[in-house]
Amino acid sequence: MTRVHTMQVGRLTVHALQTGFERLDGGAMFGVVPKPLWQRRIPADDRNRIRMGMRVLLVEHGDGLLLV
């Protein structure tokens, strides 16, 4: 399921599209922040991975569309 969040930035309309999820190593994502601190907010699985959203930006402007 794709979720869309839209905002207006000046003359641009920006859509943040949630395209899926993946699991990445929590220690690599938070670096020097101790695991007990970040795990309160984002729990890790048994392999120390956290669920991360994959998003793209679709920008509407006068000349067309831009996908970032």
PDB file of N, CA and C in Angstrom:
ATOM      1  N   MET A   1       0.840  -1.172   0.000  1.00  0.00           N
ATOM      2  CA  MET A   1       0.000   0.000   0.000  1.00  0.00           C
ATOM      3  C   MET A   1       0.890   1.241   0.000  1.00  0.00           C
ATOM      4  N   THR A   2       0.614   2.159  -0.911  1.00  0.00           N
ATOM      5  CA  THR A   2       1.374   3.393  -1.004  1.00  0.00           C
ATOM      6  C   THR A   2       0.661   4.486  -0.228  1.00  0.00           C
ATOM      7  N   ARG A   3       1.382   5.121   0.695  1.00  0.00           N
ATOM      8  CA  ARG A   3       0.833   6.261   1.431  1.00  0.00           C
ATOM      9  C   ARG A   3       1.422   7.525   0.835  1.00  0.00           C
ATOM     10  N   VAL A   4       0.620   8.585   0.791  1.00  0.00           N
ATOM     11  CA  VAL A   4       1.057   9.843   0.196  1.00  0.00           C
ATOM     12  C   VAL A   4       0.856  10.974   1.199  1.00  0.00           C
ATOM     13  N   HIS A   5       1.897  11.778   1.374  1.00  0.00           N
ATOM     14  CA  HIS A   5       1.815  13.001   2.169  1.00  0.00           C
ATOM     15  C   HIS A   5       2.158  14.148   1.227  1.00  0.00           C
ATOM     16  N   THR A   6       1.292  15.140   1.153  1.00  0.00           N
ATOM     17  CA  THR A   6       1.470  16.239   0.205  1.00  0.00           C
ATOM     18  C   THR A   6       1.642  17.553   0.952  1.00  0.00           C
ATOM     19  N   MET A   7       2.547  18.404   0.432  1.00  0.00           N
ATOM     20  CA  MET A   7       2.735  19.738   1.002  1.00  0.00           C
ATOM     21  C   MET A   7       3.035  20.719  -0.125  1.00  0.00           C
ATOM     22  N   GLN A   8       2.721  21.961   0.129  1.00  0.00           N
ATOM     23  CA  GLN A   8       2.992  23.029  -0.816  1.00  0.00           C
ATOM     24  C   GLN A   8       4.245  23.756  -0.359  1.00  0.00           C
ATOM     25  N   VAL A   9       5.221  23.931  -1.251  1.00  0.00           N
ATOM     26  CA  VAL A   9       6.456  24.660  -0.964  1.00  0.00           C
ATOM     27  C   VAL A   9       6.589  25.740  -2.039  1.00  0.00           C
ATOM     28  N   GLY A  10       6.147  26.923  -1.698  1.00  0.00           N
ATOM     29  CA  GLY A  10       6.130  27.984  -2.706  1.00  0.00           C
ATOM     30  C   GLY A  10       5.206  27.589  -3.845  1.00  0.00           C
ATOM     31  N   ARG A  11       5.744  27.590  -5.082  1.00  0.00           N
ATOM     32  CA  ARG A  11       4.945  27.185  -6.241  1.00  0.00           C
ATOM     33  C   ARG A  11       5.030  25.693  -6.526  1.00  0.00           C
ATOM     34  N   LEU A  12       5.753  24.966  -5.703  1.00  0.00           N
ATOM     35  CA  LEU A  12       5.919  23.526  -5.899  1.00  0.00           C
ATOM     36  C   LEU A  12       4.935  22.747  -5.040  1.00  0.00           C
ATOM     37  N   THR A  13       4.447  21.661  -5.585  1.00  0.00           N
ATOM     38  CA  THR A  13       3.668  20.708  -4.797  1.00  0.00           C
ATOM     39  C   THR A  13       4.538  19.467  -4.646  1.00  0.00           C
ATOM     40  N   VAL A  14       4.787  19.063  -3.404  1.00  0.00           N
ATOM     41  CA  VAL A  14       5.682  17.944  -3.119  1.00  0.00           C
ATOM     42  C   VAL A  14       4.878  16.812  -2.492  1.00  0.00           C
ATOM     43  N   HIS A  15       4.992  15.638  -3.088  1.00  0.00           N
ATOM     44  CA  HIS A  15       4.320  14.446  -2.582  1.00  0.00           C
ATOM     45  C   HIS A  15       5.384  13.476  -2.079  1.00  0.00           C
ATOM     46  N   ALA A  16       5.325  13.098  -0.811  1.00  0.00           N
ATOM     47  CA  ALA A  16       6.212  12.067  -0.258  1.00  0.00           C
ATOM     48  C   ALA A  16       5.458  10.744  -0.366  1.00  0.00           C
ATOM     49  N   LEU A  17       5.975   9.831  -1.154  1.00  0.00           N
ATOM     50  CA  LEU A  17       5.314   8.560  -1.414  1.00  0.00           C
ATOM     51  C   LEU A  17       5.992   7.439  -0.632  1.00  0.00           C
ATOM     52  N   GLN A  18       5.245   6.780   0.226  1.00  0.00           N
ATOM     53  CA  GLN A  18       5.755   5.623   0.987  1.00  0.00           C
ATOM     54  C   GLN A  18       5.658   4.420   0.054  1.00  0.00           C
ATOM     55  N   THR A  19       6.793   3.888  -0.368  1.00  0.00           N
ATOM     56  CA  THR A  19       6.779   2.817  -1.370  1.00  0.00           C
ATOM     57  C   THR A  19       7.039   1.434  -0.791  1.00  0.00           C
ATOM     58  N   GLY A  20       7.396   1.355   0.473  1.00  0.00           N
ATOM     59  CA  GLY A  20       7.647   0.050   1.081  1.00  0.00           C
ATOM     60  C   GLY A  20       8.502   0.191   2.323  1.00  0.00           C
ATOM     61  N   PHE A  21       8.999  -0.945   2.786  1.00  0.00           N
ATOM     62  CA  PHE A  21       9.829  -0.987   3.986  1.00  0.00           C
ATOM     63  C   PHE A  21      10.993  -1.938   3.772  1.00  0.00           C
ATOM     64  N   GLU A  22      12.057  -1.728   4.519  1.00  0.00           N
ATOM     65  CA  GLU A  22      13.162  -2.672   4.564  1.00  0.00           C
ATOM     66  C   GLU A  22      13.724  -2.680   5.970  1.00  0.00           C
ATOM     67  N   ARG A  23      14.512  -3.678   6.289  1.00  0.00           N
ATOM     68  CA  ARG A  23      15.116  -3.789   7.613  1.00  0.00           C
ATOM     69  C   ARG A  23      16.614  -3.561   7.485  1.00  0.00           C
ATOM     70  N   LEU A  24      17.123  -2.620   8.285  1.00  0.00           N
ATOM     71  CA  LEU A  24      18.544  -2.287   8.282  1.00  0.00           C
ATOM     72  C   LEU A  24      19.107  -2.424   9.693  1.00  0.00           C
ATOM     73  N   ASP A  25      20.417  -2.610   9.790  1.00  0.00           N
ATOM     74  CA  ASP A  25      21.079  -2.771  11.075  1.00  0.00           C
ATOM     75  C   ASP A  25      20.905  -1.518  11.923  1.00  0.00           C
ATOM     76  N   GLY A  26      20.308  -1.669  13.095  1.00  0.00           N
ATOM     77  CA  GLY A  26      20.036  -0.540  13.975  1.00  0.00           C
ATOM     78  C   GLY A  26      21.294   0.157  14.454  1.00  0.00           C
ATOM     79  N   GLY A  27      22.336  -0.602  14.765  1.00  0.00           N
ATOM     80  CA  GLY A  27      23.589  -0.004  15.218  1.00  0.00           C
ATOM     81  C   GLY A  27      24.219   0.873  14.151  1.00  0.00           C
ATOM     82  N   ALA A  28      24.140   0.439  12.895  1.00  0.00           N
ATOM     83  CA  ALA A  28      24.691   1.238  11.800  1.00  0.00           C
ATOM     84  C   ALA A  28      23.873   2.501  11.581  1.00  0.00           C
ATOM     85  N   MET A  29      22.573   2.422  11.770  1.00  0.00           N
ATOM     86  CA  MET A  29      21.710   3.578  11.528  1.00  0.00           C
ATOM     87  C   MET A  29      21.865   4.649  12.614  1.00  0.00           C
ATOM     88  N   PHE A  30      22.083   4.235  13.864  1.00  0.00           N
ATOM     89  CA  PHE A  30      22.156   5.199  14.962  1.00  0.00           C
ATOM     90  C   PHE A  30      23.574   5.515  15.405  1.00  0.00           C
ATOM     91  N   GLY A  31      24.563   4.824  14.877  1.00  0.00           N
ATOM     92  CA  GLY A  31      25.961   5.143  15.162  1.00  0.00           C
ATOM     93  C   GLY A  31      26.309   5.053  16.627  1.00  0.00           C
ATOM     94  N   VAL A  32      26.759   6.165  17.215  1.00  0.00           N
ATOM     95  CA  VAL A  32      27.268   6.168  18.583  1.00  0.00           C
ATOM     96  C   VAL A  32      26.168   6.237  19.644  1.00  0.00           C
ATOM     97  N   VAL A  33      24.913   6.350  19.233  1.00  0.00           N
ATOM     98  CA  VAL A  33      23.814   6.392  20.204  1.00  0.00           C
ATOM     99  C   VAL A  33      23.643   4.994  20.801  1.00  0.00           C
ATOM    100  N   PRO A  34      23.660   4.842  22.114  1.00  0.00           N
ATOM    101  CA  PRO A  34      23.537   3.518  22.730  1.00  0.00           C
ATOM    102  C   PRO A  34      22.192   2.853  22.399  1.00  0.00           C
ATOM    103  N   LYS A  35      22.250   1.555  22.170  1.00  0.00           N
ATOM    104  CA  LYS A  35      21.058   0.793  21.800  1.00  0.00           C
ATOM    105  C   LYS A  35      19.903   0.949  22.786  1.00  0.00           C
ATOM    106  N   PRO A  36      20.137   0.956  24.110  1.00  0.00           N
ATOM    107  CA  PRO A  36      18.987   1.130  25.019  1.00  0.00           C
ATOM    108  C   PRO A  36      18.206   2.425  24.774  1.00  0.00           C
ATOM    109  N   LEU A  37      18.861   3.452  24.250  1.00  0.00           N
ATOM    110  CA  LEU A  37      18.165   4.710  23.978  1.00  0.00           C
ATOM    111  C   LEU A  37      17.299   4.626  22.727  1.00  0.00           C
ATOM    112  N   TRP A  38      17.887   4.157  21.602  1.00  0.00           N
ATOM    113  CA  TRP A  38      17.093   4.132  20.378  1.00  0.00           C
ATOM    114  C   TRP A  38      16.091   2.989  20.342  1.00  0.00           C
ATOM    115  N   GLN A  39      16.348   1.912  21.071  1.00  0.00           N
ATOM    116  CA  GLN A  39      15.432   0.777  21.031  1.00  0.00           C
ATOM    117  C   GLN A  39      14.098   1.069  21.738  1.00  0.00           C
ATOM    118  N   ARG A  40      14.072   2.061  22.617  1.00  0.00           N
ATOM    119  CA  ARG A  40      12.794   2.460  23.229  1.00  0.00           C
ATOM    120  C   ARG A  40      11.807   2.941  22.170  1.00  0.00           C
ATOM    121  N   ARG A  41      12.331   3.592  21.161  1.00  0.00           N
ATOM    122  CA  ARG A  41      11.481   4.181  20.114  1.00  0.00           C
ATOM    123  C   ARG A  41      11.280   3.243  18.926  1.00  0.00           C
ATOM    124  N   ILE A  42      12.338   2.549  18.527  1.00  0.00           N
ATOM    125  CA  ILE A  42      12.278   1.648  17.373  1.00  0.00           C
ATOM    126  C   ILE A  42      12.863   0.308  17.793  1.00  0.00           C
ATOM    127  N   PRO A  43      12.034  -0.663  18.138  1.00  0.00           N
ATOM    128  CA  PRO A  43      12.554  -1.950  18.594  1.00  0.00           C
ATOM    129  C   PRO A  43      13.253  -2.726  17.470  1.00  0.00           C
ATOM    130  N   ALA A  44      14.314  -3.412  17.843  1.00  0.00           N
ATOM    131  CA  ALA A  44      15.078  -4.224  16.891  1.00  0.00           C
ATOM    132  C   ALA A  44      14.589  -5.666  16.940  1.00  0.00           C
ATOM    133  N   ASP A  45      14.793  -6.376  15.822  1.00  0.00           N
ATOM    134  CA  ASP A  45      14.457  -7.801  15.804  1.00  0.00           C
ATOM    135  C   ASP A  45      15.628  -8.604  16.371  1.00  0.00           C
ATOM    136  N   ASP A  46      15.559  -9.923  16.288  1.00  0.00           N
ATOM    137  CA  ASP A  46      16.612 -10.777  16.863  1.00  0.00           C
ATOM    138  C   ASP A  46      17.950 -10.650  16.143  1.00  0.00           C
ATOM    139  N   ARG A  47      17.957 -10.039  14.958  1.00  0.00           N
ATOM    140  CA  ARG A  47      19.204  -9.821  14.212  1.00  0.00           C
ATOM    141  C   ARG A  47      19.650  -8.361  14.288  1.00  0.00           C
ATOM    142  N   ASN A  48      19.075  -7.603  15.234  1.00  0.00           N
ATOM    143  CA  ASN A  48      19.424  -6.208  15.489  1.00  0.00           C
ATOM    144  C   ASN A  48      19.015  -5.274  14.352  1.00  0.00           C
ATOM    145  N   ARG A  49      18.016  -5.677  13.553  1.00  0.00           N
ATOM    146  CA  ARG A  49      17.560  -4.849  12.435  1.00  0.00           C
ATOM    147  C   ARG A  49      16.316  -4.062  12.842  1.00  0.00           C
ATOM    148  N   ILE A  50      16.196  -2.857  12.291  1.00  0.00           N
ATOM    149  CA  ILE A  50      15.020  -2.027  12.537  1.00  0.00           C
ATOM    150  C   ILE A  50      14.287  -1.809  11.215  1.00  0.00           C
ATOM    151  N   ARG A  51      12.983  -1.603  11.320  1.00  0.00           N
ATOM    152  CA  ARG A  51      12.162  -1.390  10.133  1.00  0.00           C
ATOM    153  C   ARG A  51      12.289   0.065   9.692  1.00  0.00           C
ATOM    154  N   MET A  52      12.649   0.276   8.441  1.00  0.00           N
ATOM    155  CA  MET A  52      12.828   1.613   7.883  1.00  0.00           C
ATOM    156  C   MET A  52      11.930   1.761   6.661  1.00  0.00           C
ATOM    157  N   GLY A  53      11.309   2.931   6.531  1.00  0.00           N
ATOM    158  CA  GLY A  53      10.460   3.205   5.389  1.00  0.00           C
ATOM    159  C   GLY A  53      11.274   3.613   4.171  1.00  0.00           C
ATOM    160  N   MET A  54      10.806   3.202   3.000  1.00  0.00           N
ATOM    161  CA  MET A  54      11.405   3.638   1.735  1.00  0.00           C
ATOM    162  C   MET A  54      10.461   4.671   1.131  1.00  0.00           C
ATOM    163  N   ARG A  55      10.991   5.854   0.839  1.00  0.00           N
ATOM    164  CA  ARG A  55      10.160   6.936   0.322  1.00  0.00           C
ATOM    165  C   ARG A  55      10.822   7.583  -0.889  1.00  0.00           C
ATOM    166  N   VAL A  56       9.995   8.091  -1.770  1.00  0.00           N
ATOM    167  CA  VAL A  56      10.448   8.924  -2.884  1.00  0.00           C
ATOM    168  C   VAL A  56       9.652  10.222  -2.835  1.00  0.00           C
ATOM    169  N   LEU A  57      10.202  11.268  -3.432  1.00  0.00           N
ATOM    170  CA  LEU A  57       9.497  12.547  -3.532  1.00  0.00           C
ATOM    171  C   LEU A  57       9.095  12.776  -4.982  1.00  0.00           C
ATOM    172  N   LEU A  58       7.841  13.128  -5.194  1.00  0.00           N
ATOM    173  CA  LEU A  58       7.346  13.525  -6.500  1.00  0.00           C
ATOM    174  C   LEU A  58       7.057  15.014  -6.415  1.00  0.00           C
ATOM    175  N   VAL A  59       7.785  15.795  -7.217  1.00  0.00           N
ATOM    176  CA  VAL A  59       7.667  17.253  -7.172  1.00  0.00           C
ATOM    177  C   VAL A  59       6.952  17.727  -8.437  1.00  0.00           C
ATOM    178  N   GLU A  60       5.866  18.464  -8.240  1.00  0.00           N
ATOM    179  CA  GLU A  60       5.138  19.056  -9.363  1.00  0.00           C
ATOM    180  C   GLU A  60       5.571  20.514  -9.481  1.00  0.00           C
ATOM    181  N   HIS A  61       5.958  20.918 -10.695  1.00  0.00           N
ATOM    182  CA  HIS A  61       6.322  22.312 -10.928  1.00  0.00           C
ATOM    183  C   HIS A  61       5.822  22.715 -12.315  1.00  0.00           C
ATOM    184  N   GLY A  62       6.023  23.962 -12.672  1.00  0.00           N
ATOM    185  CA  GLY A  62       5.482  24.497 -13.911  1.00  0.00           C
ATOM    186  C   GLY A  62       5.917  23.771 -15.177  1.00  0.00           C
ATOM    187  N   ASP A  63       7.107  23.184 -15.177  1.00  0.00           N
ATOM    188  CA  ASP A  63       7.627  22.497 -16.361  1.00  0.00           C
ATOM    189  C   ASP A  63       7.327  21.009 -16.381  1.00  0.00           C
ATOM    190  N   GLY A  64       6.738  20.462 -15.317  1.00  0.00           N
ATOM    191  CA  GLY A  64       6.419  19.043 -15.292  1.00  0.00           C
ATOM    192  C   GLY A  64       6.622  18.426 -13.916  1.00  0.00           C
ATOM    193  N   LEU A  65       7.067  17.177 -13.932  1.00  0.00           N
ATOM    194  CA  LEU A  65       7.241  16.395 -12.703  1.00  0.00           C
ATOM    195  C   LEU A  65       8.702  16.024 -12.525  1.00  0.00           C
ATOM    196  N   LEU A  66       9.116  15.904 -11.262  1.00  0.00           N
ATOM    197  CA  LEU A  66      10.475  15.479 -10.935  1.00  0.00           C
ATOM    198  C   LEU A  66      10.350  14.409  -9.849  1.00  0.00           C
ATOM    199  N   LEU A  67      10.959  13.262 -10.076  1.00  0.00           N
ATOM    200  CA  LEU A  67      10.963  12.173  -9.096  1.00  0.00           C
ATOM    201  C   LEU A  67      12.338  12.126  -8.441  1.00  0.00           C
ATOM    202  N   VAL A  68      12.354  12.254  -7.112  1.00  0.00           N
ATOM    203  CA  VAL A  68      13.607  12.253  -6.353  1.00  0.00           C
ATOM    204  C   VAL A  68      13.639  11.034  -5.477  1.00  0.00           C
TER     205      VAL A  68
END
